[in-house]
Amino acid sequence: MVIVPDGDGVMPGPSQMCENIAVASTDQHPAEQHSLQNGVDPGEEPSAAWGWHGTPTRAGKIAGWFTAFALFAMLIGNNEGHTGDFFLIAPGALLVVMLIASHFKARKAKRR
């Protein structure tokens, strides 16, 4: 969009530029729709309305254990040099530690 000054050399103001143009609203989350979801205000963090602030579901934990098992199962095979074993053991061990920590964190939260 090119802005051309009027005949008298004065630039048009914002109200004159947008007379016939439809402008989208910038308020995507009106204040009356804000309510606490999972203890988080969606006005401050909009992703809370999509459920991104919850704990992992049981299916996610099962998938994590399956992935860790699959990583360790790939160690069995016809690999002679064992060079890539680090790239299977390190992420698998990290995943197991994270799953165990998640279990203890959930258990501690249930006690409260």
PDB file of N, CA and C in Angstrom:
ATOM      1  N   MET A   1       0.843  -1.157   0.000  1.00  0.00           N
ATOM      2  CA  MET A   1       0.000   0.000   0.000  1.00  0.00           C
ATOM      3  C   MET A   1       0.895   1.227   0.000  1.00  0.00           C
ATOM      4  N   VAL A   2       0.698   2.082  -0.918  1.00  0.00           N
ATOM      5  CA  VAL A   2       1.478   3.314  -1.037  1.00  0.00           C
ATOM      6  C   VAL A   2       0.623   4.461  -0.532  1.00  0.00           C
ATOM      7  N   ILE A   3       1.199   5.266   0.353  1.00  0.00           N
ATOM      8  CA  ILE A   3       0.482   6.417   0.899  1.00  0.00           C
ATOM      9  C   ILE A   3       0.958   7.655   0.149  1.00  0.00           C
ATOM     10  N   VAL A   4       0.031   8.309  -0.481  1.00  0.00           N
ATOM     11  CA  VAL A   4       0.346   9.495  -1.273  1.00  0.00           C
ATOM     12  C   VAL A   4      -0.207  10.716  -0.548  1.00  0.00           C
ATOM     13  N   PRO A   5       0.578  11.763  -0.380  1.00  0.00           N
ATOM     14  CA  PRO A   5       0.069  12.960   0.280  1.00  0.00           C
ATOM     15  C   PRO A   5      -1.043  13.617  -0.529  1.00  0.00           C
ATOM     16  N   ASP A   6      -1.899  14.346   0.188  1.00  0.00           N
ATOM     17  CA  ASP A   6      -2.967  15.098  -0.479  1.00  0.00           C
ATOM     18  C   ASP A   6      -2.355  16.174  -1.361  1.00  0.00           C
ATOM     19  N   GLY A   7      -3.218  16.883  -2.047  1.00  0.00           N
ATOM     20  CA  GLY A   7      -2.762  17.960  -2.923  1.00  0.00           C
ATOM     21  C   GLY A   7      -2.017  19.051  -2.176  1.00  0.00           C
ATOM     22  N   ASP A   8      -2.310  19.212  -0.875  1.00  0.00           N
ATOM     23  CA  ASP A   8      -1.637  20.279  -0.129  1.00  0.00           C
ATOM     24  C   ASP A   8      -0.352  19.789   0.547  1.00  0.00           C
ATOM     25  N   GLY A   9       0.084  18.517   0.276  1.00  0.00           N
ATOM     26  CA  GLY A   9       1.333  17.991   0.806  1.00  0.00           C
ATOM     27  C   GLY A   9       1.215  17.395   2.194  1.00  0.00           C
ATOM     28  N   VAL A  10      -0.006  17.225   2.720  1.00  0.00           N
ATOM     29  CA  VAL A  10      -0.216  16.679   4.056  1.00  0.00           C
ATOM     30  C   VAL A  10      -0.569  15.205   3.917  1.00  0.00           C
ATOM     31  N   MET A  11       0.080  14.374   4.738  1.00  0.00           N
ATOM     32  CA  MET A  11      -0.204  12.935   4.717  1.00  0.00           C
ATOM     33  C   MET A  11      -1.566  12.697   5.362  1.00  0.00           C
ATOM     34  N   PRO A  12      -2.350  11.753   4.850  1.00  0.00           N
ATOM     35  CA  PRO A  12      -3.652  11.460   5.460  1.00  0.00           C
ATOM     36  C   PRO A  12      -3.461  10.804   6.831  1.00  0.00           C
ATOM     37  N   GLY A  13      -4.372  11.063   7.751  1.00  0.00           N
ATOM     38  CA  GLY A  13      -4.318  10.483   9.095  1.00  0.00           C
ATOM     39  C   GLY A  13      -4.788   9.040   9.073  1.00  0.00           C
ATOM     40  N   PRO A  14      -4.637   8.328  10.186  1.00  0.00           N
ATOM     41  CA  PRO A  14      -5.030   6.920  10.235  1.00  0.00           C
ATOM     42  C   PRO A  14      -6.510   6.702   9.954  1.00  0.00           C
ATOM     43  N   SER A  15      -7.354   7.626  10.401  1.00  0.00           N
ATOM     44  CA  SER A  15      -8.789   7.435  10.163  1.00  0.00           C
ATOM     45  C   SER A  15      -9.126   7.600   8.688  1.00  0.00           C
ATOM     46  N   GLN A  16      -8.371   8.388   7.972  1.00  0.00           N
ATOM     47  CA  GLN A  16      -8.625   8.588   6.546  1.00  0.00           C
ATOM     48  C   GLN A  16      -8.089   7.416   5.727  1.00  0.00           C
ATOM     49  N   MET A  17      -7.053   6.743   6.200  1.00  0.00           N
ATOM     50  CA  MET A  17      -6.466   5.646   5.432  1.00  0.00           C
ATOM     51  C   MET A  17      -7.326   4.392   5.509  1.00  0.00           C
ATOM     52  N   CYS A  18      -8.032   4.158   6.609  1.00  0.00           N
ATOM     53  CA  CYS A  18      -8.746   2.909   6.824  1.00  0.00           C
ATOM     54  C   CYS A  18     -10.254   3.062   6.723  1.00  0.00           C
ATOM     55  N   GLU A  19     -10.742   3.999   5.941  1.00  0.00           N
ATOM     56  CA  GLU A  19     -12.185   4.205   5.860  1.00  0.00           C
ATOM     57  C   GLU A  19     -12.915   3.005   5.288  1.00  0.00           C
ATOM     58  N   ASN A  20     -12.463   2.473   4.190  1.00  0.00           N
ATOM     59  CA  ASN A  20     -13.190   1.411   3.508  1.00  0.00           C
ATOM     60  C   ASN A  20     -12.499   0.055   3.629  1.00  0.00           C
ATOM     61  N   ILE A  21     -11.589  -0.076   4.560  1.00  0.00           N
ATOM     62  CA  ILE A  21     -10.839  -1.318   4.691  1.00  0.00           C
ATOM     63  C   ILE A  21     -11.332  -2.048   5.937  1.00  0.00           C
ATOM     64  N   ALA A  22     -11.611  -3.357   5.796  1.00  0.00           N
ATOM     65  CA  ALA A  22     -12.009  -4.166   6.940  1.00  0.00           C
ATOM     66  C   ALA A  22     -10.757  -4.526   7.722  1.00  0.00           C
ATOM     67  N   VAL A  23     -10.754  -4.219   8.998  1.00  0.00           N
ATOM     68  CA  VAL A  23      -9.600  -4.473   9.848  1.00  0.00           C
ATOM     69  C   VAL A  23      -9.974  -5.567  10.831  1.00  0.00           C
ATOM     70  N   ALA A  24      -9.091  -6.555  10.973  1.00  0.00           N
ATOM     71  CA  ALA A  24      -9.344  -7.657  11.891  1.00  0.00           C
ATOM     72  C   ALA A  24      -9.158  -7.206  13.330  1.00  0.00           C
ATOM     73  N   SER A  25      -9.920  -7.789  14.211  1.00  0.00           N
ATOM     74  CA  SER A  25      -9.782  -7.491  15.629  1.00  0.00           C
ATOM     75  C   SER A  25      -8.523  -8.161  16.164  1.00  0.00           C
ATOM     76  N   THR A  26      -7.804  -7.485  17.037  1.00  0.00           N
ATOM     77  CA  THR A  26      -6.584  -8.060  17.589  1.00  0.00           C
ATOM     78  C   THR A  26      -6.826  -8.761  18.914  1.00  0.00           C
ATOM     79  N   ASP A  27      -8.001  -8.608  19.502  1.00  0.00           N
ATOM     80  CA  ASP A  27      -8.296  -9.264  20.766  1.00  0.00           C
ATOM     81  C   ASP A  27      -8.855 -10.652  20.473  1.00  0.00           C
ATOM     82  N   GLN A  28      -7.984 -11.651  20.536  1.00  0.00           N
ATOM     83  CA  GLN A  28      -8.404 -13.013  20.220  1.00  0.00           C
ATOM     84  C   GLN A  28      -9.087 -13.692  21.391  1.00  0.00           C
ATOM     85  N   HIS A  29      -8.821 -13.229  22.595  1.00  0.00           N
ATOM     86  CA  HIS A  29      -9.389 -13.836  23.778  1.00  0.00           C
ATOM     87  C   HIS A  29     -10.070 -12.751  24.607  1.00  0.00           C
ATOM     88  N   PRO A  30     -11.354 -12.505  24.364  1.00  0.00           N
ATOM     89  CA  PRO A  30     -12.051 -11.463  25.127  1.00  0.00           C
ATOM     90  C   PRO A  30     -12.004 -11.740  26.623  1.00  0.00           C
ATOM     91  N   ALA A  31     -12.015 -10.669  27.409  1.00  0.00           N
ATOM     92  CA  ALA A  31     -11.855 -10.782  28.859  1.00  0.00           C
ATOM     93  C   ALA A  31     -12.968 -11.589  29.512  1.00  0.00           C
ATOM     94  N   GLU A  32     -14.184 -11.550  28.974  1.00  0.00           N
ATOM     95  CA  GLU A  32     -15.281 -12.277  29.609  1.00  0.00           C
ATOM     96  C   GLU A  32     -15.157 -13.783  29.442  1.00  0.00           C
ATOM     97  N   GLN A  33     -14.304 -14.245  28.516  1.00  0.00           N
ATOM     98  CA  GLN A  33     -14.128 -15.678  28.317  1.00  0.00           C
ATOM     99  C   GLN A  33     -13.008 -16.239  29.191  1.00  0.00           C
ATOM    100  N   HIS A  34     -12.232 -15.392  29.853  1.00  0.00           N
ATOM    101  CA  HIS A  34     -11.107 -15.851  30.653  1.00  0.00           C
ATOM    102  C   HIS A  34     -11.601 -16.495  31.934  1.00  0.00           C
ATOM    103  N   SER A  35     -11.166 -17.690  32.166  1.00  0.00           N
ATOM    104  CA  SER A  35     -11.415 -18.365  33.430  1.00  0.00           C
ATOM    105  C   SER A  35     -10.206 -19.238  33.714  1.00  0.00           C
ATOM    106  N   LEU A  36     -10.008 -19.557  34.959  1.00  0.00           N
ATOM    107  CA  LEU A  36      -8.854 -20.378  35.304  1.00  0.00           C
ATOM    108  C   LEU A  36      -9.047 -21.785  34.783  1.00  0.00           C
ATOM    109  N   GLN A  37      -8.055 -22.271  34.063  1.00  0.00           N
ATOM    110  CA  GLN A  37      -8.072 -23.632  33.559  1.00  0.00           C
ATOM    111  C   GLN A  37      -6.785 -24.297  34.001  1.00  0.00           C
ATOM    112  N   ASN A  38      -6.899 -25.378  34.770  1.00  0.00           N
ATOM    113  CA  ASN A  38      -5.747 -26.067  35.341  1.00  0.00           C
ATOM    114  C   ASN A  38      -4.919 -25.118  36.209  1.00  0.00           C
ATOM    115  N   GLY A  39      -5.561 -24.148  36.850  1.00  0.00           N
ATOM    116  CA  GLY A  39      -4.865 -23.224  37.723  1.00  0.00           C
ATOM    117  C   GLY A  39      -4.080 -22.144  37.007  1.00  0.00           C
ATOM    118  N   VAL A  40      -4.258 -22.014  35.694  1.00  0.00           N
ATOM    119  CA  VAL A  40      -3.523 -21.026  34.908  1.00  0.00           C
ATOM    120  C   VAL A  40      -4.534 -20.123  34.221  1.00  0.00           C
ATOM    121  N   ASP A  41      -4.290 -18.822  34.244  1.00  0.00           N
ATOM    122  CA  ASP A  41      -5.174 -17.860  33.599  1.00  0.00           C
ATOM    123  C   ASP A  41      -4.887 -17.837  32.101  1.00  0.00           C
ATOM    124  N   PRO A  42      -5.853 -18.205  31.237  1.00  0.00           N
ATOM    125  CA  PRO A  42      -5.626 -18.185  29.791  1.00  0.00           C
ATOM    126  C   PRO A  42      -5.336 -16.797  29.248  1.00  0.00           C
ATOM    127  N   GLY A  43      -5.694 -15.752  29.993  1.00  0.00           N
ATOM    128  CA  GLY A  43      -5.367 -14.403  29.540  1.00  0.00           C
ATOM    129  C   GLY A  43      -3.864 -14.163  29.549  1.00  0.00           C
ATOM    130  N   GLU A  44      -3.181 -14.784  30.505  1.00  0.00           N
ATOM    131  CA  GLU A  44      -1.736 -14.640  30.584  1.00  0.00           C
ATOM    132  C   GLU A  44      -1.021 -15.679  29.731  1.00  0.00           C
ATOM    133  N   GLU A  45      -1.569 -16.865  29.664  1.00  0.00           N
ATOM    134  CA  GLU A  45      -0.990 -17.934  28.862  1.00  0.00           C
ATOM    135  C   GLU A  45      -2.107 -18.580  28.049  1.00  0.00           C
ATOM    136  N   PRO A  46      -2.313 -18.144  26.803  1.00  0.00           N
ATOM    137  CA  PRO A  46      -3.433 -18.638  26.002  1.00  0.00           C
ATOM    138  C   PRO A  46      -3.404 -20.141  25.755  1.00  0.00           C
ATOM    139  N   SER A  47      -2.241 -20.767  25.798  1.00  0.00           N
ATOM    140  CA  SER A  47      -2.183 -22.199  25.533  1.00  0.00           C
ATOM    141  C   SER A  47      -2.846 -23.016  26.634  1.00  0.00           C
ATOM    142  N   ALA A  48      -3.151 -22.420  27.776  1.00  0.00           N
ATOM    143  CA  ALA A  48      -3.833 -23.142  28.846  1.00  0.00           C
ATOM    144  C   ALA A  48      -5.224 -23.566  28.406  1.00  0.00           C
ATOM    145  N   ALA A  49      -5.844 -22.800  27.542  1.00  0.00           N
ATOM    146  CA  ALA A  49      -7.171 -23.149  27.049  1.00  0.00           C
ATOM    147  C   ALA A  49      -7.132 -24.390  26.164  1.00  0.00           C
ATOM    148  N   TRP A  50      -5.969 -24.711  25.623  1.00  0.00           N
ATOM    149  CA  TRP A  50      -5.848 -25.882  24.754  1.00  0.00           C
ATOM    150  C   TRP A  50      -5.434 -27.121  25.530  1.00  0.00           C
ATOM    151  N   GLY A  51      -5.205 -26.988  26.843  1.00  0.00           N
ATOM    152  CA  GLY A  51      -4.857 -28.133  27.657  1.00  0.00           C
ATOM    153  C   GLY A  51      -3.377 -28.437  27.700  1.00  0.00           C
ATOM    154  N   TRP A  52      -2.516 -27.504  27.383  1.00  0.00           N
ATOM    155  CA  TRP A  52      -1.085 -27.761  27.343  1.00  0.00           C
ATOM    156  C   TRP A  52      -0.434 -27.652  28.706  1.00  0.00           C
ATOM    157  N   HIS A  53      -1.170 -27.351  29.754  1.00  0.00           N
ATOM    158  CA  HIS A  53      -0.580 -27.178  31.070  1.00  0.00           C
ATOM    159  C   HIS A  53      -0.904 -28.346  31.989  1.00  0.00           C
ATOM    160  N   GLY A  54      -1.468 -29.374  31.461  1.00  0.00           N
ATOM    161  CA  GLY A  54      -1.802 -30.526  32.281  1.00  0.00           C
ATOM    162  C   GLY A  54      -0.633 -31.492  32.396  1.00  0.00           C
ATOM    163  N   THR A  55      -0.840 -32.554  33.172  1.00  0.00           N
ATOM    164  CA  THR A  55       0.203 -33.566  33.315  1.00  0.00           C
ATOM    165  C   THR A  55       0.075 -34.576  32.171  1.00  0.00           C
ATOM    166  N   PRO A  56       1.158 -35.285  31.875  1.00  0.00           N
ATOM    167  CA  PRO A  56       1.079 -36.276  30.795  1.00  0.00           C
ATOM    168  C   PRO A  56       0.048 -37.354  31.112  1.00  0.00           C
ATOM    169  N   THR A  57      -0.620 -37.799  30.104  1.00  0.00           N
ATOM    170  CA  THR A  57      -1.645 -38.821  30.301  1.00  0.00           C
ATOM    171  C   THR A  57      -0.999 -40.188  30.451  1.00  0.00           C
ATOM    172  N   ARG A  58      -1.790 -41.143  30.795  1.00  0.00           N
ATOM    173  CA  ARG A  58      -1.288 -42.506  30.960  1.00  0.00           C
ATOM    174  C   ARG A  58      -0.751 -43.041  29.638  1.00  0.00           C
ATOM    175  N   ALA A  59      -1.417 -42.704  28.547  1.00  0.00           N
ATOM    176  CA  ALA A  59      -0.949 -43.165  27.234  1.00  0.00           C
ATOM    177  C   ALA A  59       0.426 -42.591  26.907  1.00  0.00           C
ATOM    178  N   GLY A  60       0.685 -41.361  27.324  1.00  0.00           N
ATOM    179  CA  GLY A  60       1.994 -40.752  27.089  1.00  0.00           C
ATOM    180  C   GLY A  60       3.090 -41.460  27.859  1.00  0.00           C
ATOM    181  N   LYS A  61       2.786 -41.873  29.082  1.00  0.00           N
ATOM    182  CA  LYS A  61       3.770 -42.599  29.884  1.00  0.00           C
ATOM    183  C   LYS A  61       4.026 -43.986  29.307  1.00  0.00           C
ATOM    184  N   ILE A  62       2.976 -44.633  28.839  1.00  0.00           N
ATOM    185  CA  ILE A  62       3.137 -45.948  28.208  1.00  0.00           C
ATOM    186  C   ILE A  62       3.976 -45.822  26.942  1.00  0.00           C
ATOM    187  N   ALA A  63       3.728 -44.787  26.160  1.00  0.00           N
ATOM    188  CA  ALA A  63       4.520 -44.560  24.945  1.00  0.00           C
ATOM    189  C   ALA A  63       5.982 -44.282  25.301  1.00  0.00           C
ATOM    190  N   GLY A  64       6.231 -43.579  26.390  1.00  0.00           N
ATOM    191  CA  GLY A  64       7.598 -43.314  26.830  1.00  0.00           C
ATOM    192  C   GLY A  64       8.325 -44.587  27.206  1.00  0.00           C
ATOM    193  N   TRP A  65       7.668 -45.464  27.956  1.00  0.00           N
ATOM    194  CA  TRP A  65       8.297 -46.739  28.319  1.00  0.00           C
ATOM    195  C   TRP A  65       8.527 -47.609  27.087  1.00  0.00           C
ATOM    196  N   PHE A  66       7.579 -47.604  26.168  1.00  0.00           N
ATOM    197  CA  PHE A  66       7.755 -48.384  24.936  1.00  0.00           C
ATOM    198  C   PHE A  66       8.940 -47.862  24.128  1.00  0.00           C
ATOM    199  N   THR A  67       9.085 -46.542  24.044  1.00  0.00           N
ATOM    200  CA  THR A  67      10.190 -45.951  23.301  1.00  0.00           C
ATOM    201  C   THR A  67      11.527 -46.285  23.954  1.00  0.00           C
ATOM    202  N   ALA A  68      11.587 -46.208  25.279  1.00  0.00           N
ATOM    203  CA  ALA A  68      12.826 -46.558  25.984  1.00  0.00           C
ATOM    204  C   ALA A  68      13.179 -48.023  25.736  1.00  0.00           C
ATOM    205  N   PHE A  69      12.187 -48.897  25.811  1.00  0.00           N
ATOM    206  CA  PHE A  69      12.427 -50.323  25.546  1.00  0.00           C
ATOM    207  C   PHE A  69      12.919 -50.527  24.113  1.00  0.00           C
ATOM    208  N   ALA A  70      12.311 -49.834  23.153  1.00  0.00           N
ATOM    209  CA  ALA A  70      12.715 -49.965  21.756  1.00  0.00           C
ATOM    210  C   ALA A  70      14.155 -49.487  21.549  1.00  0.00           C
ATOM    211  N   LEU A  71      14.549 -48.410  22.216  1.00  0.00           N
ATOM    212  CA  LEU A  71      15.926 -47.925  22.102  1.00  0.00           C
ATOM    213  C   LEU A  71      16.919 -48.950  22.640  1.00  0.00           C
ATOM    214  N   PHE A  72      16.596 -49.549  23.776  1.00  0.00           N
ATOM    215  CA  PHE A  72      17.499 -50.552  24.335  1.00  0.00           C
ATOM    216  C   PHE A  72      17.474 -51.843  23.517  1.00  0.00           C
ATOM    217  N   ALA A  73      16.347 -52.174  22.912  1.00  0.00           N
ATOM    218  CA  ALA A  73      16.261 -53.377  22.084  1.00  0.00           C
ATOM    219  C   ALA A  73      17.108 -53.248  20.820  1.00  0.00           C
ATOM    220  N   MET A  74      17.324 -52.012  20.355  1.00  0.00           N
ATOM    221  CA  MET A  74      18.150 -51.818  19.155  1.00  0.00           C
ATOM    222  C   MET A  74      19.626 -52.085  19.414  1.00  0.00           C
ATOM    223  N   LEU A  75      20.001 -52.235  20.680  1.00  0.00           N
ATOM    224  CA  LEU A  75      21.389 -52.587  20.984  1.00  0.00           C
ATOM    225  C   LEU A  75      21.700 -54.022  20.582  1.00  0.00           C
ATOM    226  N   ILE A  76      20.663 -54.851  20.561  1.00  0.00           N
ATOM    227  CA  ILE A  76      20.833 -56.253  20.174  1.00  0.00           C
ATOM    228  C   ILE A  76      20.832 -56.313  18.652  1.00  0.00           C
ATOM    229  N   GLY A  77      21.830 -56.914  18.097  1.00  0.00           N
ATOM    230  CA  GLY A  77      21.871 -57.009  16.646  1.00  0.00           C
ATOM    231  C   GLY A  77      23.261 -57.307  16.135  1.00  0.00           C
ATOM    232  N   ASN A  78      23.463 -57.015  14.884  1.00  0.00           N
ATOM    233  CA  ASN A  78      24.725 -57.358  14.246  1.00  0.00           C
ATOM    234  C   ASN A  78      25.672 -56.163  14.143  1.00  0.00           C
ATOM    235  N   ASN A  79      25.626 -55.272  15.112  1.00  0.00           N
ATOM    236  CA  ASN A  79      26.544 -54.142  15.088  1.00  0.00           C
ATOM    237  C   ASN A  79      27.874 -54.568  15.698  1.00  0.00           C
ATOM    238  N   GLU A  80      28.939 -54.378  14.951  1.00  0.00           N
ATOM    239  CA  GLU A  80      30.254 -54.856  15.386  1.00  0.00           C
ATOM    240  C   GLU A  80      31.041 -53.791  16.142  1.00  0.00           C
ATOM    241  N   GLY A  81      30.979 -52.546  15.693  1.00  0.00           N
ATOM    242  CA  GLY A  81      31.821 -51.511  16.262  1.00  0.00           C
ATOM    243  C   GLY A  81      31.294 -50.904  17.544  1.00  0.00           C
ATOM    244  N   HIS A  82      30.034 -50.999  17.807  1.00  0.00           N
ATOM    245  CA  HIS A  82      29.380 -50.423  18.989  1.00  0.00           C
ATOM    246  C   HIS A  82      29.592 -48.908  19.090  1.00  0.00           C
ATOM    247  N   THR A  83      29.841 -48.262  17.961  1.00  0.00           N
ATOM    248  CA  THR A  83      30.042 -46.818  17.967  1.00  0.00           C
ATOM    249  C   THR A  83      28.734 -46.088  18.242  1.00  0.00           C
ATOM    250  N   GLY A  84      27.652 -46.563  17.693  1.00  0.00           N
ATOM    251  CA  GLY A  84      26.369 -45.884  17.838  1.00  0.00           C
ATOM    252  C   GLY A  84      25.622 -46.234  19.099  1.00  0.00           C
ATOM    253  N   ASP A  85      26.202 -47.104  19.938  1.00  0.00           N
ATOM    254  CA  ASP A  85      25.510 -47.497  21.166  1.00  0.00           C
ATOM    255  C   ASP A  85      25.237 -46.309  22.077  1.00  0.00           C
ATOM    256  N   PHE A  86      26.145 -45.356  22.115  1.00  0.00           N
ATOM    257  CA  PHE A  86      25.939 -44.166  22.945  1.00  0.00           C
ATOM    258  C   PHE A  86      24.658 -43.438  22.551  1.00  0.00           C
ATOM    259  N   PHE A  87      24.383 -43.387  21.238  1.00  0.00           N
ATOM    260  CA  PHE A  87      23.207 -42.664  20.744  1.00  0.00           C
ATOM    261  C   PHE A  87      21.913 -43.442  20.969  1.00  0.00           C
ATOM    262  N   LEU A  88      22.015 -44.657  21.454  1.00  0.00           N
ATOM    263  CA  LEU A  88      20.836 -45.420  21.873  1.00  0.00           C
ATOM    264  C   LEU A  88      20.715 -45.433  23.396  1.00  0.00           C
ATOM    265  N   ILE A  89      21.846 -45.562  24.078  1.00  0.00           N
ATOM    266  CA  ILE A  89      21.828 -45.668  25.540  1.00  0.00           C
ATOM    267  C   ILE A  89      21.508 -44.325  26.193  1.00  0.00           C
ATOM    268  N   ALA A  90      22.152 -43.250  25.732  1.00  0.00           N
ATOM    269  CA  ALA A  90      21.963 -41.941  26.372  1.00  0.00           C
ATOM    270  C   ALA A  90      20.510 -41.465  26.319  1.00  0.00           C
ATOM    271  N   PRO A  91      19.849 -41.439  25.133  1.00  0.00           N
ATOM    272  CA  PRO A  91      18.440 -40.992  25.147  1.00  0.00           C
ATOM    273  C   PRO A  91      17.526 -41.967  25.881  1.00  0.00           C
ATOM    274  N   GLY A  92      17.812 -43.268  25.795  1.00  0.00           N
ATOM    275  CA  GLY A  92      16.994 -44.247  26.510  1.00  0.00           C
ATOM    276  C   GLY A  92      17.100 -44.071  28.010  1.00  0.00           C
ATOM    277  N   ALA A  93      18.331 -43.863  28.518  1.00  0.00           N
ATOM    278  CA  ALA A  93      18.527 -43.661  29.953  1.00  0.00           C
ATOM    279  C   ALA A  93      17.888 -42.350  30.410  1.00  0.00           C
ATOM    280  N   LEU A  94      18.037 -41.303  29.606  1.00  0.00           N
ATOM    281  CA  LEU A  94      17.414 -40.020  29.943  1.00  0.00           C
ATOM    282  C   LEU A  94      15.894 -40.159  30.009  1.00  0.00           C
ATOM    283  N   LEU A  95      15.331 -40.893  29.079  1.00  0.00           N
ATOM    284  CA  LEU A  95      13.877 -41.097  29.056  1.00  0.00           C
ATOM    285  C   LEU A  95      13.420 -41.877  30.282  1.00  0.00           C
ATOM    286  N   VAL A  96      14.175 -42.907  30.664  1.00  0.00           N
ATOM    287  CA  VAL A  96      13.825 -43.690  31.852  1.00  0.00           C
ATOM    288  C   VAL A  96      13.897 -42.819  33.106  1.00  0.00           C
ATOM    289  N   VAL A  97      14.938 -42.002  33.227  1.00  0.00           N
ATOM    290  CA  VAL A  97      15.067 -41.112  34.390  1.00  0.00           C
ATOM    291  C   VAL A  97      13.894 -40.136  34.440  1.00  0.00           C
ATOM    292  N   MET A  98      13.519 -39.582  33.286  1.00  0.00           N
ATOM    293  CA  MET A  98      12.395 -38.639  33.245  1.00  0.00           C
ATOM    294  C   MET A  98      11.080 -39.318  33.623  1.00  0.00           C
ATOM    295  N   LEU A  99      10.871 -40.550  33.171  1.00  0.00           N
ATOM    296  CA  LEU A  99       9.639 -41.273  33.497  1.00  0.00           C
ATOM    297  C   LEU A  99       9.576 -41.610  34.986  1.00  0.00           C
ATOM    298  N   ILE A 100      10.702 -42.008  35.560  1.00  0.00           N
ATOM    299  CA  ILE A 100      10.728 -42.320  36.990  1.00  0.00           C
ATOM    300  C   ILE A 100      10.506 -41.047  37.813  1.00  0.00           C
ATOM    301  N   ALA A 101      11.139 -39.945  37.405  1.00  0.00           N
ATOM    302  CA  ALA A 101      10.936 -38.673  38.112  1.00  0.00           C
ATOM    303  C   ALA A 101       9.478 -38.229  38.019  1.00  0.00           C
ATOM    304  N   SER A 102       8.866 -38.425  36.865  1.00  0.00           N
ATOM    305  CA  SER A 102       7.454 -38.072  36.695  1.00  0.00           C
ATOM    306  C   SER A 102       6.570 -38.907  37.610  1.00  0.00           C
ATOM    307  N   HIS A 103       6.915 -40.185  37.751  1.00  0.00           N
ATOM    308  CA  HIS A 103       6.142 -41.067  38.625  1.00  0.00           C
ATOM    309  C   HIS A 103       6.211 -40.596  40.073  1.00  0.00           C
ATOM    310  N   PHE A 104       7.425 -40.277  40.557  1.00  0.00           N
ATOM    311  CA  PHE A 104       7.580 -39.831  41.938  1.00  0.00           C
ATOM    312  C   PHE A 104       6.950 -38.464  42.163  1.00  0.00           C
ATOM    313  N   LYS A 105       7.004 -37.598  41.163  1.00  0.00           N
ATOM    314  CA  LYS A 105       6.385 -36.274  41.275  1.00  0.00           C
ATOM    315  C   LYS A 105       4.867 -36.415  41.400  1.00  0.00           C
ATOM    316  N   ALA A 106       4.268 -37.290  40.588  1.00  0.00           N
ATOM    317  CA  ALA A 106       2.819 -37.504  40.647  1.00  0.00           C
ATOM    318  C   ALA A 106       2.422 -38.146  41.977  1.00  0.00           C
ATOM    319  N   ARG A 107       3.252 -39.052  42.463  1.00  0.00           N
ATOM    320  CA  ARG A 107       2.970 -39.711  43.730  1.00  0.00           C
ATOM    321  C   ARG A 107       3.027 -38.728  44.895  1.00  0.00           C
ATOM    322  N   LYS A 108       3.997 -37.829  44.835  1.00  0.00           N
ATOM    323  CA  LYS A 108       4.140 -36.822  45.893  1.00  0.00           C
ATOM    324  C   LYS A 108       2.966 -35.835  45.847  1.00  0.00           C
ATOM    325  N   ALA A 109       2.495 -35.502  44.638  1.00  0.00           N
ATOM    326  CA  ALA A 109       1.367 -34.582  44.510  1.00  0.00           C
ATOM    327  C   ALA A 109       0.069 -35.214  45.028  1.00  0.00           C
ATOM    328  N   LYS A 110      -0.074 -36.512  44.901  1.00  0.00           N
ATOM    329  CA  LYS A 110      -1.279 -37.192  45.386  1.00  0.00           C
ATOM    330  C   LYS A 110      -1.336 -37.211  46.916  1.00  0.00           C
ATOM    331  N   ARG A 111      -0.184 -37.218  47.567  1.00  0.00           N
ATOM    332  CA  ARG A 111      -0.139 -37.230  49.033  1.00  0.00           C
ATOM    333  C   ARG A 111      -0.632 -35.918  49.623  1.00  0.00           C
ATOM    334  N   ARG A 112      -0.456 -34.835  48.919  1.00  0.00           N
ATOM    335  CA  ARG A 112      -0.831 -33.516  49.446  1.00  0.00           C
ATOM    336  C   ARG A 112      -2.283 -33.312  49.465  1.00  0.00           C
TER     337      ARG A 112
END
